Amino acid sequence: MTTRVQHRTTHKAAHHHARHTAVAKEAEGLLDRLAHSAVGEEAKELVNQLRNNLTSLKEAAEAVQEYVEDDFHAMEKKIQRNPWSAVGLTAASGVIVGFFLARRWR
């Protein structure tokens, strides 16, 4: 079970990483086209600011991905060490959500 979840999670992470890498490359291409067609210093400065913001965005996305992966692995280790706590917490969460949903439909 764990390997299946791990494989699925790794696959989704790779998919999202590929997606935001493709979007970043497309944005860089658009910025290159804009830079070549830009007339005037103001337009070129704007392109440079956009390029810097895109670089910052890519770095932030990579940092968030690393953070999420680290948290996922930490959670996975906790569940492996004490699986019954995870089962109990999941069951309790389901009961609480069910209670609130039942009250809402009365």
PDB file of N, CA and C in Angstrom:
ATOM      1  N   MET A   1       0.829  -1.197   0.000  1.00  0.00           N
ATOM      2  CA  MET A   1       0.000   0.000   0.000  1.00  0.00           C
ATOM      3  C   MET A   1       0.866   1.250   0.000  1.00  0.00           C
ATOM      4  N   THR A   2       1.859   1.279   0.877  1.00  0.00           N
ATOM      5  CA  THR A   2       2.707   2.469   0.975  1.00  0.00           C
ATOM      6  C   THR A   2       3.444   2.736  -0.326  1.00  0.00           C
ATOM      7  N   THR A   3       3.933   1.665  -0.952  1.00  0.00           N
ATOM      8  CA  THR A   3       4.651   1.881  -2.201  1.00  0.00           C
ATOM      9  C   THR A   3       3.734   2.417  -3.286  1.00  0.00           C
ATOM     10  N   ARG A   4       2.472   1.990  -3.278  1.00  0.00           N
ATOM     11  CA  ARG A   4       1.523   2.491  -4.265  1.00  0.00           C
ATOM     12  C   ARG A   4       1.266   3.980  -4.054  1.00  0.00           C
ATOM     13  N   VAL A   5       1.053   4.369  -2.796  1.00  0.00           N
ATOM     14  CA  VAL A   5       0.837   5.788  -2.472  1.00  0.00           C
ATOM     15  C   VAL A   5       2.084   6.586  -2.806  1.00  0.00           C
ATOM     16  N   GLN A   6       3.231   6.030  -2.462  1.00  0.00           N
ATOM     17  CA  GLN A   6       4.497   6.712  -2.735  1.00  0.00           C
ATOM     18  C   GLN A   6       4.683   6.899  -4.242  1.00  0.00           C
ATOM     19  N   HIS A   7       4.393   5.853  -5.010  1.00  0.00           N
ATOM     20  CA  HIS A   7       4.544   5.934  -6.464  1.00  0.00           C
ATOM     21  C   HIS A   7       3.588   6.974  -7.047  1.00  0.00           C
ATOM     22  N   ARG A   8       2.338   6.946  -6.584  1.00  0.00           N
ATOM     23  CA  ARG A   8       1.343   7.902  -7.074  1.00  0.00           C
ATOM     24  C   ARG A   8       1.749   9.332  -6.736  1.00  0.00           C
ATOM     25  N   THR A   9       2.225   9.534  -5.514  1.00  0.00           N
ATOM     26  CA  THR A   9       2.634  10.870  -5.085  1.00  0.00           C
ATOM     27  C   THR A   9       3.840  11.349  -5.879  1.00  0.00           C
ATOM     28  N   THR A  10       4.802  10.461  -6.070  1.00  0.00           N
ATOM     29  CA  THR A  10       5.986  10.814  -6.855  1.00  0.00           C
ATOM     30  C   THR A  10       5.597  11.153  -8.288  1.00  0.00           C
ATOM     31  N   HIS A  11       4.666  10.374  -8.848  1.00  0.00           N
ATOM     32  CA  HIS A  11       4.203  10.618 -10.217  1.00  0.00           C
ATOM     33  C   HIS A  11       3.509  11.980 -10.322  1.00  0.00           C
ATOM     34  N   LYS A  12       2.646  12.295  -9.345  1.00  0.00           N
ATOM     35  CA  LYS A  12       1.947  13.585  -9.370  1.00  0.00           C
ATOM     36  C   LYS A  12       2.921  14.734  -9.200  1.00  0.00           C
ATOM     37  N   ALA A  13       3.901  14.566  -8.308  1.00  0.00           N
ATOM     38  CA  ALA A  13       4.904  15.627  -8.105  1.00  0.00           C
ATOM     39  C   ALA A  13       5.688  15.862  -9.389  1.00  0.00           C
ATOM     40  N   ALA A  14       6.060  14.779 -10.066  1.00  0.00           N
ATOM     41  CA  ALA A  14       6.802  14.912 -11.322  1.00  0.00           C
ATOM     42  C   ALA A  14       5.941  15.595 -12.382  1.00  0.00           C
ATOM     43  N   HIS A  15       4.652  15.249 -12.411  1.00  0.00           N
ATOM     44  CA  HIS A  15       3.734  15.877 -13.377  1.00  0.00           C
ATOM     45  C   HIS A  15       3.633  17.386 -13.127  1.00  0.00           C
ATOM     46  N   HIS A  16       3.447  17.768 -11.860  1.00  0.00           N
ATOM     47  CA  HIS A  16       3.323  19.193 -11.542  1.00  0.00           C
ATOM     48  C   HIS A  16       4.628  19.933 -11.796  1.00  0.00           C
ATOM     49  N   HIS A  17       5.741  19.284 -11.503  1.00  0.00           N
ATOM     50  CA  HIS A  17       7.038  19.913 -11.766  1.00  0.00           C
ATOM     51  C   HIS A  17       7.219  20.131 -13.269  1.00  0.00           C
ATOM     52  N   ALA A  18       6.874  19.127 -14.061  1.00  0.00           N
ATOM     53  CA  ALA A  18       6.978  19.263 -15.521  1.00  0.00           C
ATOM     54  C   ALA A  18       6.049  20.355 -16.029  1.00  0.00           C
ATOM     55  N   ARG A  19       4.864  20.440 -15.443  1.00  0.00           N
ATOM     56  CA  ARG A  19       3.889  21.454 -15.875  1.00  0.00           C
ATOM     57  C   ARG A  19       4.387  22.859 -15.574  1.00  0.00           C
ATOM     58  N   HIS A  20       4.879  23.086 -14.342  1.00  0.00           N
ATOM     59  CA  HIS A  20       5.306  24.457 -14.050  1.00  0.00           C
ATOM     60  C   HIS A  20       6.626  24.779 -14.734  1.00  0.00           C
ATOM     61  N   THR A  21       7.427  23.772 -15.074  1.00  0.00           N
ATOM     62  CA  THR A  21       8.632  24.009 -15.867  1.00  0.00           C
ATOM     63  C   THR A  21       8.250  24.419 -17.289  1.00  0.00           C
ATOM     64  N   ALA A  22       7.231  23.762 -17.849  1.00  0.00           N
ATOM     65  CA  ALA A  22       6.775  24.102 -19.199  1.00  0.00           C
ATOM     66  C   ALA A  22       6.198  25.518 -19.235  1.00  0.00           C
ATOM     67  N   VAL A  23       5.424  25.873 -18.215  1.00  0.00           N
ATOM     68  CA  VAL A  23       4.849  27.221 -18.149  1.00  0.00           C
ATOM     69  C   VAL A  23       5.963  28.258 -18.037  1.00  0.00           C
ATOM     70  N   ALA A  24       6.977  27.961 -17.218  1.00  0.00           N
ATOM     71  CA  ALA A  24       8.098  28.893 -17.057  1.00  0.00           C
ATOM     72  C   ALA A  24       8.861  29.063 -18.369  1.00  0.00           C
ATOM     73  N   LYS A  25       9.083  27.965 -19.096  1.00  0.00           N
ATOM     74  CA  LYS A  25       9.777  28.054 -20.382  1.00  0.00           C
ATOM     75  C   LYS A  25       8.969  28.862 -21.389  1.00  0.00           C
ATOM     76  N   GLU A  26       7.657  28.661 -21.383  1.00  0.00           N
ATOM     77  CA  GLU A  26       6.798  29.426 -22.291  1.00  0.00           C
ATOM     78  C   GLU A  26       6.856  30.914 -21.942  1.00  0.00           C
ATOM     79  N   ALA A  27       6.841  31.223 -20.653  1.00  0.00           N
ATOM     80  CA  ALA A  27       6.927  32.622 -20.226  1.00  0.00           C
ATOM     81  C   ALA A  27       8.273  33.225 -20.615  1.00  0.00           C
ATOM     82  N   GLU A  28       9.341  32.447 -20.467  1.00  0.00           N
ATOM     83  CA  GLU A  28      10.657  32.944 -20.878  1.00  0.00           C
ATOM     84  C   GLU A  28      10.703  33.209 -22.372  1.00  0.00           C
ATOM     85  N   GLY A  29      10.096  32.324 -23.157  1.00  0.00           N
ATOM     86  CA  GLY A  29      10.038  32.533 -24.602  1.00  0.00           C
ATOM     87  C   GLY A  29       9.278  33.792 -24.962  1.00  0.00           C
ATOM     88  N   LEU A  30       8.161  34.010 -24.278  1.00  0.00           N
ATOM     89  CA  LEU A  30       7.389  35.239 -24.527  1.00  0.00           C
ATOM     90  C   LEU A  30       8.196  36.472 -24.135  1.00  0.00           C
ATOM     91  N   LEU A  31       8.916  36.381 -23.025  1.00  0.00           N
ATOM     92  CA  LEU A  31       9.751  37.517 -22.621  1.00  0.00           C
ATOM     93  C   LEU A  31      10.863  37.773 -23.626  1.00  0.00           C
ATOM     94  N   ASP A  32      11.455  36.717 -24.179  1.00  0.00           N
ATOM     95  CA  ASP A  32      12.483  36.892 -25.202  1.00  0.00           C
ATOM     96  C   ASP A  32      11.917  37.595 -26.442  1.00  0.00           C
ATOM     97  N   ARG A  33      10.716  37.149 -26.862  1.00  0.00           N
ATOM     98  CA  ARG A  33      10.085  37.800 -28.016  1.00  0.00           C
ATOM     99  C   ARG A  33       9.783  39.261 -27.721  1.00  0.00           C
ATOM    100  N   LEU A  34       9.302  39.515 -26.505  1.00  0.00           N
ATOM    101  CA  LEU A  34       8.989  40.883 -26.118  1.00  0.00           C
ATOM    102  C   LEU A  34      10.254  41.734 -26.052  1.00  0.00           C
ATOM    103  N   ALA A  35      11.334  41.150 -25.550  1.00  0.00           N
ATOM    104  CA  ALA A  35      12.593  41.889 -25.435  1.00  0.00           C
ATOM    105  C   ALA A  35      13.117  42.278 -26.817  1.00  0.00           C
ATOM    106  N   HIS A  36      12.974  41.380 -27.789  1.00  0.00           N
ATOM    107  CA  HIS A  36      13.466  41.673 -29.141  1.00  0.00           C
ATOM    108  C   HIS A  36      12.606  42.705 -29.861  1.00  0.00           C
ATOM    109  N   SER A  37      11.322  42.748 -29.508  1.00  0.00           N
ATOM    110  CA  SER A  37      10.447  43.705 -30.187  1.00  0.00           C
ATOM    111  C   SER A  37      10.250  44.986 -29.387  1.00  0.00           C
ATOM    112  N   ALA A  38      10.793  45.011 -28.159  1.00  0.00           N
ATOM    113  CA  ALA A  38      10.599  46.183 -27.299  1.00  0.00           C
ATOM    114  C   ALA A  38      11.362  47.377 -27.856  1.00  0.00           C
ATOM    115  N   VAL A  39      10.693  48.496 -27.833  1.00  0.00           N
ATOM    116  CA  VAL A  39      11.305  49.734 -28.278  1.00  0.00           C
ATOM    117  C   VAL A  39      11.388  50.651 -27.064  1.00  0.00           C
ATOM    118  N   GLY A  40      12.540  51.167 -26.815  1.00  0.00           N
ATOM    119  CA  GLY A  40      12.705  52.099 -25.717  1.00  0.00           C
ATOM    120  C   GLY A  40      13.233  51.426 -24.464  1.00  0.00           C
ATOM    121  N   GLU A  41      13.886  52.233 -23.661  1.00  0.00           N
ATOM    122  CA  GLU A  41      14.505  51.749 -22.426  1.00  0.00           C
ATOM    123  C   GLU A  41      13.463  51.321 -21.400  1.00  0.00           C
ATOM    124  N   GLU A  42      12.339  52.014 -21.379  1.00  0.00           N
ATOM    125  CA  GLU A  42      11.303  51.696 -20.396  1.00  0.00           C
ATOM    126  C   GLU A  42      10.747  50.287 -20.633  1.00  0.00           C
ATOM    127  N   ALA A  43      10.515  49.955 -21.878  1.00  0.00           N
ATOM    128  CA  ALA A  43       9.998  48.625 -22.211  1.00  0.00           C
ATOM    129  C   ALA A  43      11.029  47.549 -21.891  1.00  0.00           C
ATOM    130  N   LYS A  44      12.286  47.818 -22.193  1.00  0.00           N
ATOM    131  CA  LYS A  44      13.341  46.844 -21.902  1.00  0.00           C
ATOM    132  C   LYS A  44      13.501  46.654 -20.395  1.00  0.00           C
ATOM    133  N   GLU A  45      13.358  47.727 -19.633  1.00  0.00           N
ATOM    134  CA  GLU A  45      13.439  47.629 -18.175  1.00  0.00           C
ATOM    135  C   GLU A  45      12.277  46.794 -17.635  1.00  0.00           C
ATOM    136  N   LEU A  46      11.101  46.973 -18.214  1.00  0.00           N
ATOM    137  CA  LEU A  46       9.940  46.190 -17.812  1.00  0.00           C
ATOM    138  C   LEU A  46      10.170  44.697 -18.086  1.00  0.00           C
ATOM    139  N   VAL A  47      10.735  44.379 -19.235  1.00  0.00           N
ATOM    140  CA  VAL A  47      11.048  42.989 -19.574  1.00  0.00           C
ATOM    141  C   VAL A  47      12.040  42.414 -18.561  1.00  0.00           C
ATOM    142  N   ASN A  48      13.047  43.188 -18.199  1.00  0.00           N
ATOM    143  CA  ASN A  48      14.024  42.718 -17.212  1.00  0.00           C
ATOM    144  C   ASN A  48      13.379  42.479 -15.851  1.00  0.00           C
ATOM    145  N   GLN A  49      12.470  43.357 -15.440  1.00  0.00           N
ATOM    146  CA  GLN A  49      11.767  43.165 -14.169  1.00  0.00           C
ATOM    147  C   GLN A  49      10.906  41.907 -14.212  1.00  0.00           C
ATOM    148  N   LEU A  50      10.219  41.705 -15.332  1.00  0.00           N
ATOM    149  CA  LEU A  50       9.399  40.495 -15.478  1.00  0.00           C
ATOM    150  C   LEU A  50      10.268  39.241 -15.438  1.00  0.00           C
ATOM    151  N   ARG A  51      11.424  39.301 -16.076  1.00  0.00           N
ATOM    152  CA  ARG A  51      12.340  38.152 -16.076  1.00  0.00           C
ATOM    153  C   ARG A  51      12.831  37.858 -14.657  1.00  0.00           C
ATOM    154  N   ASN A  52      13.149  38.905 -13.896  1.00  0.00           N
ATOM    155  CA  ASN A  52      13.582  38.718 -12.510  1.00  0.00           C
ATOM    156  C   ASN A  52      12.455  38.127 -11.658  1.00  0.00           C
ATOM    157  N   ASN A  53      11.232  38.618 -11.874  1.00  0.00           N
ATOM    158  CA  ASN A  53      10.085  38.077 -11.134  1.00  0.00           C
ATOM    159  C   ASN A  53       9.832  36.618 -11.489  1.00  0.00           C
ATOM    160  N   LEU A  54      10.008  36.261 -12.738  1.00  0.00           N
ATOM    161  CA  LEU A  54       9.833  34.876 -13.160  1.00  0.00           C
ATOM    162  C   LEU A  54      10.880  33.980 -12.501  1.00  0.00           C
ATOM    163  N   THR A  55      12.109  34.460 -12.421  1.00  0.00           N
ATOM    164  CA  THR A  55      13.163  33.694 -11.755  1.00  0.00           C
ATOM    165  C   THR A  55      12.831  33.502 -10.284  1.00  0.00           C
ATOM    166  N   SER A  56      12.366  34.544  -9.632  1.00  0.00           N
ATOM    167  CA  SER A  56      11.978  34.437  -8.223  1.00  0.00           C
ATOM    168  C   SER A  56      10.823  33.457  -8.047  1.00  0.00           C
ATOM    169  N   LEU A  57       9.876  33.499  -8.956  1.00  0.00           N
ATOM    170  CA  LEU A  57       8.734  32.594  -8.899  1.00  0.00           C
ATOM    171  C   LEU A  57       9.171  31.143  -9.056  1.00  0.00           C
ATOM    172  N   LYS A  58      10.093  30.886  -9.987  1.00  0.00           N
ATOM    173  CA  LYS A  58      10.588  29.522 -10.175  1.00  0.00           C
ATOM    174  C   LYS A  58      11.315  29.032  -8.922  1.00  0.00           C
ATOM    175  N   GLU A  59      12.124  29.891  -8.317  1.00  0.00           N
ATOM    176  CA  GLU A  59      12.841  29.507  -7.098  1.00  0.00           C
ATOM    177  C   GLU A  59      11.863  29.221  -5.959  1.00  0.00           C
ATOM    178  N   ALA A  60      10.832  30.040  -5.848  1.00  0.00           N
ATOM    179  CA  ALA A  60       9.831  29.828  -4.795  1.00  0.00           C
ATOM    180  C   ALA A  60       9.066  28.526  -5.028  1.00  0.00           C
ATOM    181  N   ALA A  61       8.727  28.230  -6.275  1.00  0.00           N
ATOM    182  CA  ALA A  61       8.012  26.991  -6.586  1.00  0.00           C
ATOM    183  C   ALA A  61       8.867  25.769  -6.238  1.00  0.00           C
ATOM    184  N   GLU A  62      10.156  25.832  -6.540  1.00  0.00           N
ATOM    185  CA  GLU A  62      11.046  24.725  -6.204  1.00  0.00           C
ATOM    186  C   GLU A  62      11.176  24.568  -4.691  1.00  0.00           C
ATOM    187  N   ALA A  63      11.243  25.684  -3.970  1.00  0.00           N
ATOM    188  CA  ALA A  63      11.341  25.620  -2.511  1.00  0.00           C
ATOM    189  C   ALA A  63      10.077  25.017  -1.901  1.00  0.00           C
ATOM    190  N   VAL A  64       8.927  25.416  -2.420  1.00  0.00           N
ATOM    191  CA  VAL A  64       7.659  24.864  -1.919  1.00  0.00           C
ATOM    192  C   VAL A  64       7.591  23.371  -2.212  1.00  0.00           C
ATOM    193  N   GLN A  65       8.017  22.963  -3.395  1.00  0.00           N
ATOM    194  CA  GLN A  65       7.989  21.543  -3.745  1.00  0.00           C
ATOM    195  C   GLN A  65       8.886  20.746  -2.803  1.00  0.00           C
ATOM    196  N   GLU A  66      10.070  21.240  -2.519  1.00  0.00           N
ATOM    197  CA  GLU A  66      10.964  20.552  -1.582  1.00  0.00           C
ATOM    198  C   GLU A  66      10.348  20.478  -0.194  1.00  0.00           C
ATOM    199  N   TYR A  67       9.734  21.567   0.243  1.00  0.00           N
ATOM    200  CA  TYR A  67       9.106  21.621   1.558  1.00  0.00           C
ATOM    201  C   TYR A  67       7.977  20.590   1.662  1.00  0.00           C
ATOM    202  N   VAL A  68       7.131  20.529   0.639  1.00  0.00           N
ATOM    203  CA  VAL A  68       6.012  19.588   0.637  1.00  0.00           C
ATOM    204  C   VAL A  68       6.526  18.153   0.609  1.00  0.00           C
ATOM    205  N   GLU A  69       7.536  17.885  -0.198  1.00  0.00           N
ATOM    206  CA  GLU A  69       8.099  16.535  -0.254  1.00  0.00           C
ATOM    207  C   GLU A  69       8.686  16.132   1.098  1.00  0.00           C
ATOM    208  N   ASP A  70       9.398  17.052   1.748  1.00  0.00           N
ATOM    209  CA  ASP A  70       9.965  16.755   3.067  1.00  0.00           C
ATOM    210  C   ASP A  70       8.867  16.465   4.080  1.00  0.00           C
ATOM    211  N   ASP A  71       7.821  17.274   4.078  1.00  0.00           N
ATOM    212  CA  ASP A  71       6.706  17.051   5.002  1.00  0.00           C
ATOM    213  C   ASP A  71       5.996  15.730   4.705  1.00  0.00           C
ATOM    214  N   PHE A  72       5.840  15.409   3.429  1.00  0.00           N
ATOM    215  CA  PHE A  72       5.199  14.153   3.069  1.00  0.00           C
ATOM    216  C   PHE A  72       6.002  12.972   3.585  1.00  0.00           C
ATOM    217  N   HIS A  73       7.320  13.023   3.402  1.00  0.00           N
ATOM    218  CA  HIS A  73       8.159  11.917   3.860  1.00  0.00           C
ATOM    219  C   HIS A  73       8.157  11.811   5.383  1.00  0.00           C
ATOM    220  N   ALA A  74       8.135  12.941   6.070  1.00  0.00           N
ATOM    221  CA  ALA A  74       8.060  12.918   7.529  1.00  0.00           C
ATOM    222  C   ALA A  74       6.741  12.314   7.994  1.00  0.00           C
ATOM    223  N   MET A  75       5.636  12.702   7.349  1.00  0.00           N
ATOM    224  CA  MET A  75       4.329  12.153   7.697  1.00  0.00           C
ATOM    225  C   MET A  75       4.292  10.660   7.411  1.00  0.00           C
ATOM    226  N   GLU A  76       4.854  10.259   6.299  1.00  0.00           N
ATOM    227  CA  GLU A  76       4.877   8.852   5.933  1.00  0.00           C
ATOM    228  C   GLU A  76       5.644   8.025   6.968  1.00  0.00           C
ATOM    229  N   LYS A  77       6.757   8.546   7.453  1.00  0.00           N
ATOM    230  CA  LYS A  77       7.534   7.836   8.478  1.00  0.00           C
ATOM    231  C   LYS A  77       6.751   7.715   9.778  1.00  0.00           C
ATOM    232  N   LYS A  78       6.048   8.789  10.168  1.00  0.00           N
ATOM    233  CA  LYS A  78       5.230   8.739  11.382  1.00  0.00           C
ATOM    234  C   LYS A  78       4.135   7.692  11.261  1.00  0.00           C
ATOM    235  N   ILE A  79       3.499   7.627  10.105  1.00  0.00           N
ATOM    236  CA  ILE A  79       2.431   6.648   9.891  1.00  0.00           C
ATOM    237  C   ILE A  79       2.994   5.235   9.916  1.00  0.00           C
ATOM    238  N   GLN A  80       4.169   5.033   9.334  1.00  0.00           N
ATOM    239  CA  GLN A  80       4.770   3.705   9.331  1.00  0.00           C
ATOM    240  C   GLN A  80       5.161   3.266  10.741  1.00  0.00           C
ATOM    241  N   ARG A  81       5.611   4.213  11.571  1.00  0.00           N
ATOM    242  CA  ARG A  81       5.992   3.873  12.944  1.00  0.00           C
ATOM    243  C   ARG A  81       4.782   3.543  13.808  1.00  0.00           C
ATOM    244  N   ASN A  82       3.663   4.225  13.579  1.00  0.00           N
ATOM    245  CA  ASN A  82       2.485   4.035  14.405  1.00  0.00           C
ATOM    246  C   ASN A  82       1.225   4.092  13.541  1.00  0.00           C
ATOM    247  N   PRO A  83       0.956   3.012  12.804  1.00  0.00           N
ATOM    248  CA  PRO A  83      -0.165   3.049  11.855  1.00  0.00           C
ATOM    249  C   PRO A  83      -1.528   3.143  12.529  1.00  0.00           C
ATOM    250  N   TRP A  84      -1.683   2.636  13.735  1.00  0.00           N
ATOM    251  CA  TRP A  84      -2.994   2.660  14.376  1.00  0.00           C
ATOM    252  C   TRP A  84      -3.398   4.073  14.783  1.00  0.00           C
ATOM    253  N   SER A  85      -2.452   4.899  15.075  1.00  0.00           N
ATOM    254  CA  SER A  85      -2.786   6.309  15.350  1.00  0.00           C
ATOM    255  C   SER A  85      -3.367   6.964  14.104  1.00  0.00           C
ATOM    256  N   ALA A  86      -2.776   6.668  12.957  1.00  0.00           N
ATOM    257  CA  ALA A  86      -3.277   7.224  11.703  1.00  0.00           C
ATOM    258  C   ALA A  86      -4.694   6.717  11.419  1.00  0.00           C
ATOM    259  N   VAL A  87      -4.931   5.431  11.672  1.00  0.00           N
ATOM    260  CA  VAL A  87      -6.262   4.866  11.457  1.00  0.00           C
ATOM    261  C   VAL A  87      -7.267   5.529  12.397  1.00  0.00           C
ATOM    262  N   GLY A  88      -6.873   5.700  13.662  1.00  0.00           N
ATOM    263  CA  GLY A  88      -7.759   6.332  14.639  1.00  0.00           C
ATOM    264  C   GLY A  88      -8.072   7.774  14.294  1.00  0.00           C
ATOM    265  N   LEU A  89      -7.057   8.532  13.895  1.00  0.00           N
ATOM    266  CA  LEU A  89      -7.278   9.933  13.521  1.00  0.00           C
ATOM    267  C   LEU A  89      -8.169  10.046  12.287  1.00  0.00           C
ATOM    268  N   THR A  90      -7.960   9.158  11.346  1.00  0.00           N
ATOM    269  CA  THR A  90      -8.784   9.178  10.140  1.00  0.00           C
ATOM    270  C   THR A  90     -10.234   8.845  10.469  1.00  0.00           C
ATOM    271  N   ALA A  91     -10.426   7.835  11.309  1.00  0.00           N
ATOM    272  CA  ALA A  91     -11.789   7.452  11.700  1.00  0.00           C
ATOM    273  C   ALA A  91     -12.461   8.584  12.474  1.00  0.00           C
ATOM    274  N   ALA A  92     -11.739   9.193  13.407  1.00  0.00           N
ATOM    275  CA  ALA A  92     -12.306  10.295  14.185  1.00  0.00           C
ATOM    276  C   ALA A  92     -12.669  11.472  13.276  1.00  0.00           C
ATOM    277  N   SER A  93     -11.813  11.767  12.320  1.00  0.00           N
ATOM    278  CA  SER A  93     -12.105  12.859  11.375  1.00  0.00           C
ATOM    279  C   SER A  93     -13.361  12.557  10.573  1.00  0.00           C
ATOM    280  N   GLY A  94     -13.509  11.310  10.147  1.00  0.00           N
ATOM    281  CA  GLY A  94     -14.696  10.922   9.397  1.00  0.00           C
ATOM    282  C   GLY A  94     -15.967  11.051  10.213  1.00  0.00           C
ATOM    283  N   VAL A  95     -15.891  10.671  11.491  1.00  0.00           N
ATOM    284  CA  VAL A  95     -17.056  10.791  12.369  1.00  0.00           C
ATOM    285  C   VAL A  95     -17.432  12.259  12.561  1.00  0.00           C
ATOM    286  N   ILE A  96     -16.440  13.104  12.785  1.00  0.00           N
ATOM    287  CA  ILE A  96     -16.711  14.534  12.997  1.00  0.00           C
ATOM    288  C   ILE A  96     -17.318  15.165  11.742  1.00  0.00           C
ATOM    289  N   VAL A  97     -16.727  14.880  10.593  1.00  0.00           N
ATOM    290  CA  VAL A  97     -17.259  15.429   9.337  1.00  0.00           C
ATOM    291  C   VAL A  97     -18.671  14.905   9.097  1.00  0.00           C
ATOM    292  N   GLY A  98     -18.892  13.612   9.349  1.00  0.00           N
ATOM    293  CA  GLY A  98     -20.224  13.034   9.197  1.00  0.00           C
ATOM    294  C   GLY A  98     -21.246  13.681  10.123  1.00  0.00           C
ATOM    295  N   PHE A  99     -20.833  13.966  11.347  1.00  0.00           N
ATOM    296  CA  PHE A  99     -21.714  14.619  12.304  1.00  0.00           C
ATOM    297  C   PHE A  99     -22.149  16.000  11.798  1.00  0.00           C
ATOM    298  N   PHE A 100     -21.187  16.785  11.327  1.00  0.00           N
ATOM    299  CA  PHE A 100     -21.518  18.121  10.838  1.00  0.00           C
ATOM    300  C   PHE A 100     -22.357  18.081   9.567  1.00  0.00           C
ATOM    301  N   LEU A 101     -22.072  17.146   8.697  1.00  0.00           N
ATOM    302  CA  LEU A 101     -22.868  17.029   7.466  1.00  0.00           C
ATOM    303  C   LEU A 101     -24.288  16.578   7.779  1.00  0.00           C
ATOM    304  N   ALA A 102     -24.443  15.683   8.749  1.00  0.00           N
ATOM    305  CA  ALA A 102     -25.788  15.225   9.126  1.00  0.00           C
ATOM    306  C   ALA A 102     -26.595  16.346   9.729  1.00  0.00           C
ATOM    307  N   ARG A 103     -25.959  17.192  10.532  1.00  0.00           N
ATOM    308  CA  ARG A 103     -26.669  18.329  11.136  1.00  0.00           C
ATOM    309  C   ARG A 103     -27.088  19.336  10.076  1.00  0.00           C
ATOM    310  N   ARG A 104     -26.313  19.452   9.057  1.00  0.00           N
ATOM    311  CA  ARG A 104     -26.583  20.453   8.019  1.00  0.00           C
ATOM    312  C   ARG A 104     -27.812  20.080   7.193  1.00  0.00           C
ATOM    313  N   TRP A 105     -28.053  18.786   7.005  1.00  0.00           N
ATOM    314  CA  TRP A 105     -29.170  18.347   6.169  1.00  0.00           C
ATOM    315  C   TRP A 105     -30.459  18.078   6.935  1.00  0.00           C
ATOM    316  N   ARG A 106     -30.518  18.461   8.170  1.00  0.00           N
ATOM    317  CA  ARG A 106     -31.767  18.278   8.925  1.00  0.00           C
ATOM    318  C   ARG A 106     -32.745  19.343   8.597  1.00  0.00           C
TER     319      ARG A 106
END
